[in-house]
C-alpha atoms as a PDB file:
ATOM      1  CA  MET A   1     -86.529 -15.626 -34.545  1.00  0.00           C
ATOM      2  CA  ASP A   2     -84.678 -17.913 -31.640  1.00  0.00           C
ATOM      3  CA  GLY A   3     -80.955 -16.735 -31.034  1.00  0.00           C
ATOM      4  CA  LYS A   4     -79.381 -19.691 -31.576  1.00  0.00           C
ATOM      5  CA  ILE A   5     -80.587 -19.723 -35.461  1.00  0.00           C
ATOM      6  CA  VAL A   6     -79.502 -15.807 -35.796  1.00  0.00           C
ATOM      7  CA  ALA A   7     -76.149 -16.852 -34.661  1.00  0.00           C
ATOM      8  CA  ARG A   8     -76.116 -19.844 -37.180  1.00  0.00           C
ATOM      9  CA  ILE A   9     -77.092 -17.742 -39.961  1.00  0.00           C
ATOM     10  CA  VAL A  10     -74.349 -14.852 -39.250  1.00  0.00           C
ATOM     11  CA  ALA A  11     -71.755 -18.037 -38.824  1.00  0.00           C
ATOM     12  CA  VAL A  12     -72.730 -19.280 -42.451  1.00  0.00           C
ATOM     13  CA  ILE A  13     -72.516 -15.763 -44.176  1.00  0.00           C
ATOM     14  CA  PHE A  14     -68.973 -14.833 -42.356  1.00  0.00           C
ATOM     15  CA  VAL A  15     -67.978 -18.178 -43.730  1.00  0.00           C
ATOM     16  CA  THR A  16     -69.361 -17.741 -47.090  1.00  0.00           C
ATOM     17  CA  ILE A  17     -67.520 -14.390 -47.438  1.00  0.00           C
ATOM     18  CA  ALA A  18     -64.619 -15.307 -45.947  1.00  0.00           C
ATOM     19  CA  VAL A  19     -64.593 -18.381 -49.080  1.00  0.00           C
ATOM     20  CA  THR A  20     -65.358 -16.195 -51.792  1.00  0.00           C
ATOM     21  CA  ALA A  21     -62.697 -13.797 -50.864  1.00  0.00           C
ATOM     22  CA  THR A  22     -59.982 -16.305 -50.545  1.00  0.00           C
ATOM     23  CA  ALA A  23     -61.330 -18.018 -53.907  1.00  0.00           C
ATOM     24  CA  LEU A  24     -60.648 -14.282 -55.385  1.00  0.00           C
ATOM     25  CA  GLU A  25     -57.477 -13.777 -53.979  1.00  0.00           C
ATOM     26  CA  MET A  26     -56.248 -17.066 -55.311  1.00  0.00           C
ATOM     27  CA  THR A  27     -57.513 -16.417 -59.079  1.00  0.00           C
ATOM     28  CA  ARG A  28     -55.724 -12.900 -59.200  1.00  0.00           C
ATOM     29  CA  LYS A  29     -52.760 -12.870 -61.296  1.00  0.00           C
ATOM     30  CA  GLN A  30     -49.572 -11.170 -59.587  1.00  0.00           C
ATOM     31  CA  GLU A  31     -48.733  -8.137 -61.196  1.00  0.00           C
ATOM     32  CA  SER A  32     -44.797  -7.667 -61.902  1.00  0.00           C
ATOM     33  CA  PRO A  33     -43.786  -4.133 -61.955  1.00  0.00           C
ATOM     34  CA  VAL A  34     -42.602  -2.709 -65.031  1.00  0.00           C
ATOM     35  CA  GLY A  35     -39.103  -2.248 -65.924  1.00  0.00           C
ATOM     36  CA  THR A  36     -37.586  -5.008 -63.277  1.00  0.00           C
ATOM     37  CA  ALA A  37     -36.531  -8.229 -64.335  1.00  0.00           C
ATOM     38  CA  ALA A  38     -37.685 -11.500 -62.296  1.00  0.00           C
ATOM     39  CA  ALA A  39     -35.010 -11.878 -59.402  1.00  0.00           C
ATOM     40  CA  VAL A  40     -32.629 -14.706 -60.607  1.00  0.00           C
ATOM     41  CA  PRO A  41     -30.239 -16.055 -57.979  1.00  0.00           C
ATOM     42  CA  ALA A  42     -26.442 -15.001 -58.127  1.00  0.00           C
ATOM     43  CA  LEU A  43     -24.177 -17.396 -57.826  1.00  0.00           C
ATOM     44  CA  LYS A  44     -22.072 -17.758 -55.007  1.00  0.00           C
ATOM     45  CA  ALA A  45     -18.726 -18.573 -54.768  1.00  0.00           C
ATOM     46  CA  PRO A  46     -18.078 -21.865 -52.655  1.00  0.00           C
ATOM     47  CA  ASP A  47     -17.627 -21.556 -49.180  1.00  0.00           C
ATOM     48  CA  PRO A  48     -14.643 -23.017 -47.694  1.00  0.00           C
ATOM     49  CA  LEU A  49     -16.222 -23.721 -44.465  1.00  0.00           C
ATOM     50  CA  ARG A  50     -19.343 -25.243 -46.143  1.00  0.00           C
ATOM     51  CA  GLU A  51     -17.048 -27.645 -48.085  1.00  0.00           C
ATOM     52  CA  SER A  52     -14.844 -28.366 -44.941  1.00  0.00           C
ATOM     53  CA  LEU A  53     -17.825 -29.018 -43.277  1.00  0.00           C
ATOM     54  CA  ARG A  54     -19.208 -31.663 -45.929  1.00  0.00           C
ATOM     55  CA  HIS A  55     -15.883 -33.479 -45.420  1.00  0.00           C
ATOM     56  CA  CYS A  56     -16.152 -33.833 -41.945  1.00  0.00           C
ATOM     57  CA  GLN A  57     -19.931 -35.335 -42.433  1.00  0.00           C
ATOM     58  CA  GLY A  58     -18.382 -37.704 -44.762  1.00  0.00           C
ATOM     59  CA  LEU A  59     -15.967 -39.161 -42.443  1.00  0.00           C
ATOM     60  CA  GLY A  60     -18.974 -39.865 -39.983  1.00  0.00           C
ATOM     61  CA  GLU A  61     -17.530 -40.898 -36.816  1.00  0.00           C
ATOM     62  CA  ALA A  62     -13.910 -40.671 -37.440  1.00  0.00           C
ATOM     63  CA  ALA A  63     -14.639 -36.846 -37.532  1.00  0.00           C
ATOM     64  CA  LEU A  64     -15.041 -37.091 -33.543  1.00  0.00           C
ATOM     65  CA  ARG A  65     -11.416 -37.860 -33.404  1.00  0.00           C
ATOM     66  CA  ASP A  66     -10.122 -35.575 -35.973  1.00  0.00           C
ATOM     67  CA  ASN A  67      -8.967 -32.006 -34.126  1.00  0.00           C
ATOM     68  CA  ASP A  68      -9.667 -30.123 -38.073  1.00  0.00           C
ATOM     69  CA  CYS A  69     -13.318 -31.047 -37.693  1.00  0.00           C
ATOM     70  CA  MET A  70     -13.534 -30.588 -33.860  1.00  0.00           C
ATOM     71  CA  ARG A  71     -11.917 -27.040 -34.916  1.00  0.00           C
ATOM     72  CA  LEU A  72     -14.281 -26.452 -37.814  1.00  0.00           C
ATOM     73  CA  TRP A  73     -17.736 -27.354 -35.971  1.00  0.00           C
ATOM     74  CA  ALA A  74     -16.413 -24.714 -33.321  1.00  0.00           C
ATOM     75  CA  GLU A  75     -16.584 -22.150 -35.506  1.00  0.00           C
ATOM     76  CA  GLN A  76     -19.612 -22.953 -37.110  1.00  0.00           C
ATOM     77  CA  ARG A  77     -21.366 -23.256 -33.313  1.00  0.00           C
ATOM     78  CA  ASP A  78     -19.838 -19.753 -33.192  1.00  0.00           C
ATOM     79  CA  ARG A  79     -20.535 -18.150 -36.409  1.00  0.00           C
ATOM     80  CA  PHE A  80     -24.251 -19.450 -35.564  1.00  0.00           C
ATOM     81  CA  LEU A  81     -24.512 -18.118 -32.208  1.00  0.00           C
ATOM     82  CA  GLY A  82     -23.512 -14.702 -32.872  1.00  0.00           C
ATOM     83  CA  PHE A  83     -19.778 -14.756 -31.347  1.00  0.00           C
ATOM     84  CA  LYS A  84     -16.929 -12.587 -32.441  1.00  0.00           C
ATOM     85  CA  ALA A  85     -14.537 -14.326 -34.198  1.00  0.00           C
ATOM     86  CA  ARG A  86     -11.226 -15.657 -32.357  1.00  0.00           C
ATOM     87  CA  SER A  87      -7.602 -14.443 -33.034  1.00  0.00           C
ATOM     88  CA  GLY A  88      -7.336 -17.538 -34.332  1.00  0.00           C
ATOM     89  CA  SER A  89     -10.313 -17.582 -36.687  1.00  0.00           C
ATOM     90  CA  LEU A  90     -10.295 -19.478 -40.028  1.00  0.00           C
ATOM     91  CA  THR A  91      -8.906 -18.594 -43.183  1.00  0.00           C
ATOM     92  CA  SER A  92      -9.878 -20.051 -46.288  1.00  0.00           C
ATOM     93  CA  GLU A  93      -6.799 -21.493 -46.474  1.00  0.00           C
ATOM     94  CA  SER A  94      -6.770 -23.304 -43.517  1.00  0.00           C
ATOM     95  CA  LEU A  95     -10.169 -24.549 -44.788  1.00  0.00           C
ATOM     96  CA  THR A  96      -8.920 -27.035 -47.588  1.00  0.00           C
ATOM     97  CA  PRO A  97     -10.203 -30.673 -46.626  1.00  0.00           C
ATOM     98  CA  GLN A  98      -7.517 -33.112 -46.160  1.00  0.00           C
ATOM     99  CA  SER A  99      -7.577 -36.737 -46.961  1.00  0.00           C
ATOM    100  CA  PRO A 100      -7.780 -39.228 -43.984  1.00  0.00           C
ATOM    101  CA  GLU A 101      -4.257 -40.249 -44.540  1.00  0.00           C
ATOM    102  CA  THR A 102      -2.604 -36.493 -43.836  1.00  0.00           C
ATOM    103  CA  THR A 103      -4.968 -35.994 -40.774  1.00  0.00           C
ATOM    104  CA  LYS A 104      -2.938 -36.376 -38.163  1.00  0.00           C
ATOM    105  CA  PRO A 105      -4.207 -39.241 -35.081  1.00  0.00           C
ATOM    106  CA  GLU A 106      -4.744 -37.925 -31.586  1.00  0.00           C
ATOM    107  CA  THR A 107      -2.143 -38.667 -29.739  1.00  0.00           C
ATOM    108  CA  ARG A 108      -2.575 -39.769 -26.096  1.00  0.00           C
END
């Protein structure tokens, strides 16, 4: 036999085995261990930082001029990048969203 024909036959056999193995794996049912319940995600307490960030998101372009939003974004960036909390880190009391009427405009 020619070398090309042998290579084609080997390739067809390999693809056939791969397709068969995939089909068998997909039809196999997952076995759950006895005595363990299905994992149910626990209800998390509301995250004040997330709620405050949502508030800033709702402000839109006005959030760029809001000092509280700038502070929140800096804190979130530090948390994301893994920087240690600064001495003036945010507390749940300082994260309560304020209405636009109570936010102080930046003075120049």
